[in-house]
Amino acid sequence: MCKLIILYETKTLVESCSTQLRGGDYKAGLDLFKPYWKVSMNELNTQTINSRATVKDRFGTSLGDKLINQQRV
């Protein structure tokens, strides 16, 4: 498993993933996390895609994304 060391790398990765997810390409977005994620990608893909379908039916398509808060631990 890879580790992100620099905050900039982490932010760039999350922004890239968010762009893919917002565009509806869940596989491409989640594939970006593969080297850093311990959860089974099959489990993550299934749960994310199913959850997104439910949310989309209730709230519609994504309009965009915005960083609300950033914390360091």
C-alpha atoms as a PDB file:
ATOM      1  CA  MET A   1       0.000   0.000   0.000  1.00  0.00           C
ATOM      2  CA  CYS A   2       1.305   3.456  -0.932  1.00  0.00           C
ATOM      3  CA  LYS A   3       1.344   6.376   1.464  1.00  0.00           C
ATOM      4  CA  LEU A   4       0.717  10.007   0.703  1.00  0.00           C
ATOM      5  CA  ILE A   5       3.261  12.161   2.473  1.00  0.00           C
ATOM      6  CA  ILE A   6       2.725  15.628   1.085  1.00  0.00           C
ATOM      7  CA  LEU A   7      -0.581  17.428   1.721  1.00  0.00           C
ATOM      8  CA  TYR A   8      -0.548  18.709  -1.860  1.00  0.00           C
ATOM      9  CA  GLU A   9      -0.482  15.110  -3.193  1.00  0.00           C
ATOM     10  CA  THR A  10      -3.459  14.185  -1.041  1.00  0.00           C
ATOM     11  CA  LYS A  11      -5.453  17.227  -2.079  1.00  0.00           C
ATOM     12  CA  THR A  12      -4.692  16.639  -5.757  1.00  0.00           C
ATOM     13  CA  LEU A  13      -5.740  12.984  -5.488  1.00  0.00           C
ATOM     14  CA  VAL A  14      -9.038  13.857  -3.799  1.00  0.00           C
ATOM     15  CA  GLU A  15      -9.785  16.605  -6.339  1.00  0.00           C
ATOM     16  CA  SER A  16      -9.097  14.202  -9.227  1.00  0.00           C
ATOM     17  CA  CYS A  17     -11.328  11.549  -7.687  1.00  0.00           C
ATOM     18  CA  SER A  18     -14.077  14.089  -7.034  1.00  0.00           C
ATOM     19  CA  THR A  19     -13.975  15.247 -10.656  1.00  0.00           C
ATOM     20  CA  GLN A  20     -14.367  11.665 -11.895  1.00  0.00           C
ATOM     21  CA  LEU A  21     -17.206  10.891  -9.469  1.00  0.00           C
ATOM     22  CA  ARG A  22     -19.045  14.120 -10.276  1.00  0.00           C
ATOM     23  CA  GLY A  23     -18.819  13.238 -13.954  1.00  0.00           C
ATOM     24  CA  GLY A  24     -20.371   9.824 -13.254  1.00  0.00           C
ATOM     25  CA  ASP A  25     -17.238   7.761 -13.863  1.00  0.00           C
ATOM     26  CA  TYR A  26     -17.191   5.972 -10.503  1.00  0.00           C
ATOM     27  CA  LYS A  27     -14.766   3.277 -11.597  1.00  0.00           C
ATOM     28  CA  ALA A  28     -12.128   5.790 -12.718  1.00  0.00           C
ATOM     29  CA  GLY A  29     -12.567   7.861  -9.569  1.00  0.00           C
ATOM     30  CA  LEU A  30     -12.283   4.899  -7.224  1.00  0.00           C
ATOM     31  CA  ASP A  31      -9.398   3.399  -9.206  1.00  0.00           C
ATOM     32  CA  LEU A  32      -7.355   6.465  -8.237  1.00  0.00           C
ATOM     33  CA  PHE A  33      -7.607   5.344  -4.589  1.00  0.00           C
ATOM     34  CA  LYS A  34      -6.558   1.725  -5.190  1.00  0.00           C
ATOM     35  CA  PRO A  35      -2.907   2.161  -4.164  1.00  0.00           C
ATOM     36  CA  TYR A  36      -3.914   3.885  -0.916  1.00  0.00           C
ATOM     37  CA  TRP A  37      -7.069   2.031   0.152  1.00  0.00           C
ATOM     38  CA  LYS A  38      -7.210  -1.034   2.416  1.00  0.00           C
ATOM     39  CA  VAL A  39     -10.896  -1.790   1.782  1.00  0.00           C
ATOM     40  CA  SER A  40     -11.687  -4.308  -0.952  1.00  0.00           C
ATOM     41  CA  MET A  41     -12.247  -2.377  -4.168  1.00  0.00           C
ATOM     42  CA  ASN A  42     -15.104  -4.738  -5.105  1.00  0.00           C
ATOM     43  CA  GLU A  43     -16.872  -3.868  -1.865  1.00  0.00           C
ATOM     44  CA  LEU A  44     -16.171  -0.171  -2.262  1.00  0.00           C
ATOM     45  CA  ASN A  45     -17.268  -0.086  -5.909  1.00  0.00           C
ATOM     46  CA  THR A  46     -20.534  -1.902  -5.187  1.00  0.00           C
ATOM     47  CA  GLN A  47     -21.462   0.153  -2.127  1.00  0.00           C
ATOM     48  CA  THR A  48     -20.519   3.464  -3.698  1.00  0.00           C
ATOM     49  CA  ILE A  49     -22.332   2.880  -6.963  1.00  0.00           C
ATOM     50  CA  ASN A  50     -25.474   1.603  -5.211  1.00  0.00           C
ATOM     51  CA  SER A  51     -25.455   4.481  -2.727  1.00  0.00           C
ATOM     52  CA  ARG A  52     -24.940   7.060  -5.466  1.00  0.00           C
ATOM     53  CA  ALA A  53     -27.870   5.694  -7.456  1.00  0.00           C
ATOM     54  CA  THR A  54     -30.117   6.088  -4.401  1.00  0.00           C
ATOM     55  CA  VAL A  55     -28.916   9.610  -3.647  1.00  0.00           C
ATOM     56  CA  LYS A  56     -29.182  10.677  -7.282  1.00  0.00           C
ATOM     57  CA  ASP A  57     -32.819   9.551  -7.395  1.00  0.00           C
ATOM     58  CA  ARG A  58     -33.558  11.660  -4.313  1.00  0.00           C
ATOM     59  CA  PHE A  59     -31.463  14.755  -4.937  1.00  0.00           C
ATOM     60  CA  GLY A  60     -30.582  14.799  -8.649  1.00  0.00           C
ATOM     61  CA  THR A  61     -27.210  15.081 -10.320  1.00  0.00           C
ATOM     62  CA  SER A  62     -24.173  16.697  -8.742  1.00  0.00           C
ATOM     63  CA  LEU A  63     -23.768  20.385  -9.386  1.00  0.00           C
ATOM     64  CA  GLY A  64     -20.185  20.532  -8.179  1.00  0.00           C
ATOM     65  CA  ASP A  65     -17.975  20.099  -5.179  1.00  0.00           C
ATOM     66  CA  LYS A  66     -16.433  22.463  -2.682  1.00  0.00           C
ATOM     67  CA  LEU A  67     -13.891  22.018   0.109  1.00  0.00           C
ATOM     68  CA  ILE A  68     -15.704  22.898   3.300  1.00  0.00           C
ATOM     69  CA  ASN A  69     -13.035  22.218   5.880  1.00  0.00           C
ATOM     70  CA  GLN A  70      -9.446  21.029   6.094  1.00  0.00           C
ATOM     71  CA  GLN A  71      -7.838  19.647   9.216  1.00  0.00           C
ATOM     72  CA  ARG A  72      -4.465  18.095   9.953  1.00  0.00           C
ATOM     73  CA  VAL A  73      -4.038  15.260  12.395  1.00  0.00           C
END
